[in-house]
Amino acid sequence: MDYGMIGKIKKAKMYAEEGADRIDFESLRVRLQGENNDIPHIVEYNMGKWRCDCDFFSSRNVCSHTMAIERILRNMVEIGQVA
């Protein structure tokens, strides 16, 4: 491995450790496999707003799927805003 790559790996570790201080999510789209069916749910985050394709989200504007992704991303996304 060359010296240039070693420097990039060190910088990547630093960015990852600093997380929320350096990273600001603008948009994200994930598939989350729930317990009740074979088809994963689509959870989206766009400019501070959450969406999910599940029925619960459509009636409450929050669901276990969006809350799970919020927990995974911790302080890196805004919590509970609706698209």
C-alpha atoms as a PDB file:
ATOM      1  CA  MET A   1       0.000   0.000   0.000  1.00  0.00           C
ATOM      2  CA  ASP A   2       1.390   3.396  -0.953  1.00  0.00           C
ATOM      3  CA  TYR A   3       1.842   6.349   1.383  1.00  0.00           C
ATOM      4  CA  GLY A   4      -0.944   8.335  -0.313  1.00  0.00           C
ATOM      5  CA  MET A   5      -3.497   5.604   0.428  1.00  0.00           C
ATOM      6  CA  ILE A   6      -2.373   5.343   4.065  1.00  0.00           C
ATOM      7  CA  GLY A   7      -3.040   9.063   4.473  1.00  0.00           C
ATOM      8  CA  LYS A   8      -6.508   8.702   2.932  1.00  0.00           C
ATOM      9  CA  ILE A   9      -7.383   5.817   5.257  1.00  0.00           C
ATOM     10  CA  LYS A  10      -6.330   7.885   8.287  1.00  0.00           C
ATOM     11  CA  LYS A  11      -8.417  10.824   7.072  1.00  0.00           C
ATOM     12  CA  ALA A  12     -11.441   8.555   6.484  1.00  0.00           C
ATOM     13  CA  LYS A  13     -11.185   7.218  10.051  1.00  0.00           C
ATOM     14  CA  MET A  14     -11.030  10.768  11.406  1.00  0.00           C
ATOM     15  CA  TYR A  15     -14.113  11.817   9.379  1.00  0.00           C
ATOM     16  CA  ALA A  16     -16.031   8.754  10.574  1.00  0.00           C
ATOM     17  CA  GLU A  17     -15.110   9.333  14.224  1.00  0.00           C
ATOM     18  CA  GLU A  18     -16.186  12.974  14.058  1.00  0.00           C
ATOM     19  CA  GLY A  19     -19.448  11.930  12.382  1.00  0.00           C
ATOM     20  CA  ALA A  20     -22.147  14.492  13.116  1.00  0.00           C
ATOM     21  CA  ASP A  21     -19.613  17.317  13.327  1.00  0.00           C
ATOM     22  CA  ARG A  22     -18.637  16.810   9.686  1.00  0.00           C
ATOM     23  CA  ILE A  23     -21.557  15.070   7.973  1.00  0.00           C
ATOM     24  CA  ASP A  24     -24.897  16.637   7.097  1.00  0.00           C
ATOM     25  CA  PHE A  25     -27.346  14.310   5.370  1.00  0.00           C
ATOM     26  CA  GLU A  26     -29.376  15.959   2.624  1.00  0.00           C
ATOM     27  CA  SER A  27     -31.106  12.848   1.349  1.00  0.00           C
ATOM     28  CA  LEU A  28     -31.170   9.146   1.971  1.00  0.00           C
ATOM     29  CA  ARG A  29     -33.271   6.235   0.710  1.00  0.00           C
ATOM     30  CA  VAL A  30     -33.171   2.827   2.325  1.00  0.00           C
ATOM     31  CA  ARG A  31     -35.075  -0.445   2.242  1.00  0.00           C
ATOM     32  CA  LEU A  32     -35.902  -1.756   5.681  1.00  0.00           C
ATOM     33  CA  GLN A  33     -37.124  -5.324   6.063  1.00  0.00           C
ATOM     34  CA  GLY A  34     -39.993  -5.367   8.549  1.00  0.00           C
ATOM     35  CA  GLU A  35     -41.407  -8.349  10.437  1.00  0.00           C
ATOM     36  CA  ASN A  36     -44.870  -8.545   8.905  1.00  0.00           C
ATOM     37  CA  ASN A  37     -44.289  -9.108   5.192  1.00  0.00           C
ATOM     38  CA  ASP A  38     -41.738 -10.159   2.609  1.00  0.00           C
ATOM     39  CA  ILE A  39     -41.565  -6.767   0.923  1.00  0.00           C
ATOM     40  CA  PRO A  40     -39.201  -4.248   2.537  1.00  0.00           C
ATOM     41  CA  HIS A  41     -40.421  -0.750   3.372  1.00  0.00           C
ATOM     42  CA  ILE A  42     -38.901   2.255   1.665  1.00  0.00           C
ATOM     43  CA  VAL A  43     -37.782   4.937   4.115  1.00  0.00           C
ATOM     44  CA  GLU A  44     -36.657   8.279   2.735  1.00  0.00           C
ATOM     45  CA  TYR A  45     -35.041  11.334   4.249  1.00  0.00           C
ATOM     46  CA  ASN A  46     -34.840  14.482   2.160  1.00  0.00           C
ATOM     47  CA  MET A  47     -33.751  17.919   3.397  1.00  0.00           C
ATOM     48  CA  GLY A  48     -34.869  17.247   6.973  1.00  0.00           C
ATOM     49  CA  LYS A  49     -38.141  15.494   6.083  1.00  0.00           C
ATOM     50  CA  TRP A  50     -38.999  11.817   6.608  1.00  0.00           C
ATOM     51  CA  ARG A  51     -41.279   9.521   4.578  1.00  0.00           C
ATOM     52  CA  CYS A  52     -42.125   5.833   4.729  1.00  0.00           C
ATOM     53  CA  ASP A  53     -44.407   3.777   2.517  1.00  0.00           C
ATOM     54  CA  CYS A  54     -46.055   1.917   5.426  1.00  0.00           C
ATOM     55  CA  ASP A  55     -49.686   2.449   6.436  1.00  0.00           C
ATOM     56  CA  PHE A  56     -48.806   3.548   9.971  1.00  0.00           C
ATOM     57  CA  PHE A  57     -46.638   6.406   8.687  1.00  0.00           C
ATOM     58  CA  SER A  58     -49.424   7.642   6.414  1.00  0.00           C
ATOM     59  CA  SER A  59     -51.722   8.099   9.412  1.00  0.00           C
ATOM     60  CA  ARG A  60     -49.216   9.237  12.087  1.00  0.00           C
ATOM     61  CA  ASN A  61     -46.299  10.761  10.139  1.00  0.00           C
ATOM     62  CA  VAL A  62     -43.889   8.576  12.111  1.00  0.00           C
ATOM     63  CA  CYS A  63     -43.355   4.825  12.298  1.00  0.00           C
ATOM     64  CA  SER A  64     -41.004   2.179  13.629  1.00  0.00           C
ATOM     65  CA  HIS A  65     -39.128   2.222  10.321  1.00  0.00           C
ATOM     66  CA  THR A  66     -38.314   5.962  10.397  1.00  0.00           C
ATOM     67  CA  MET A  67     -37.516   5.806  14.123  1.00  0.00           C
ATOM     68  CA  ALA A  68     -35.112   2.902  13.524  1.00  0.00           C
ATOM     69  CA  ILE A  69     -33.183   4.839  10.878  1.00  0.00           C
ATOM     70  CA  GLU A  70     -33.129   7.915  13.149  1.00  0.00           C
ATOM     71  CA  ARG A  71     -31.585   5.757  15.887  1.00  0.00           C
ATOM     72  CA  ILE A  72     -29.003   4.319  13.511  1.00  0.00           C
ATOM     73  CA  LEU A  73     -27.998   7.789  12.315  1.00  0.00           C
ATOM     74  CA  ARG A  74     -28.222   9.255  15.849  1.00  0.00           C
ATOM     75  CA  ASN A  75     -27.368  12.954  15.837  1.00  0.00           C
ATOM     76  CA  MET A  76     -26.693  13.080  12.113  1.00  0.00           C
ATOM     77  CA  VAL A  77     -30.271  13.758  10.939  1.00  0.00           C
ATOM     78  CA  GLU A  78     -33.157  15.905  12.131  1.00  0.00           C
ATOM     79  CA  ILE A  79     -35.693  13.907  14.127  1.00  0.00           C
ATOM     80  CA  GLY A  80     -39.365  13.596  13.331  1.00  0.00           C
ATOM     81  CA  GLN A  81     -40.010  16.096  10.535  1.00  0.00           C
ATOM     82  CA  VAL A  82     -42.536  14.975   7.931  1.00  0.00           C
ATOM     83  CA  ALA A  83     -42.177  15.347   4.179  1.00  0.00           C
END
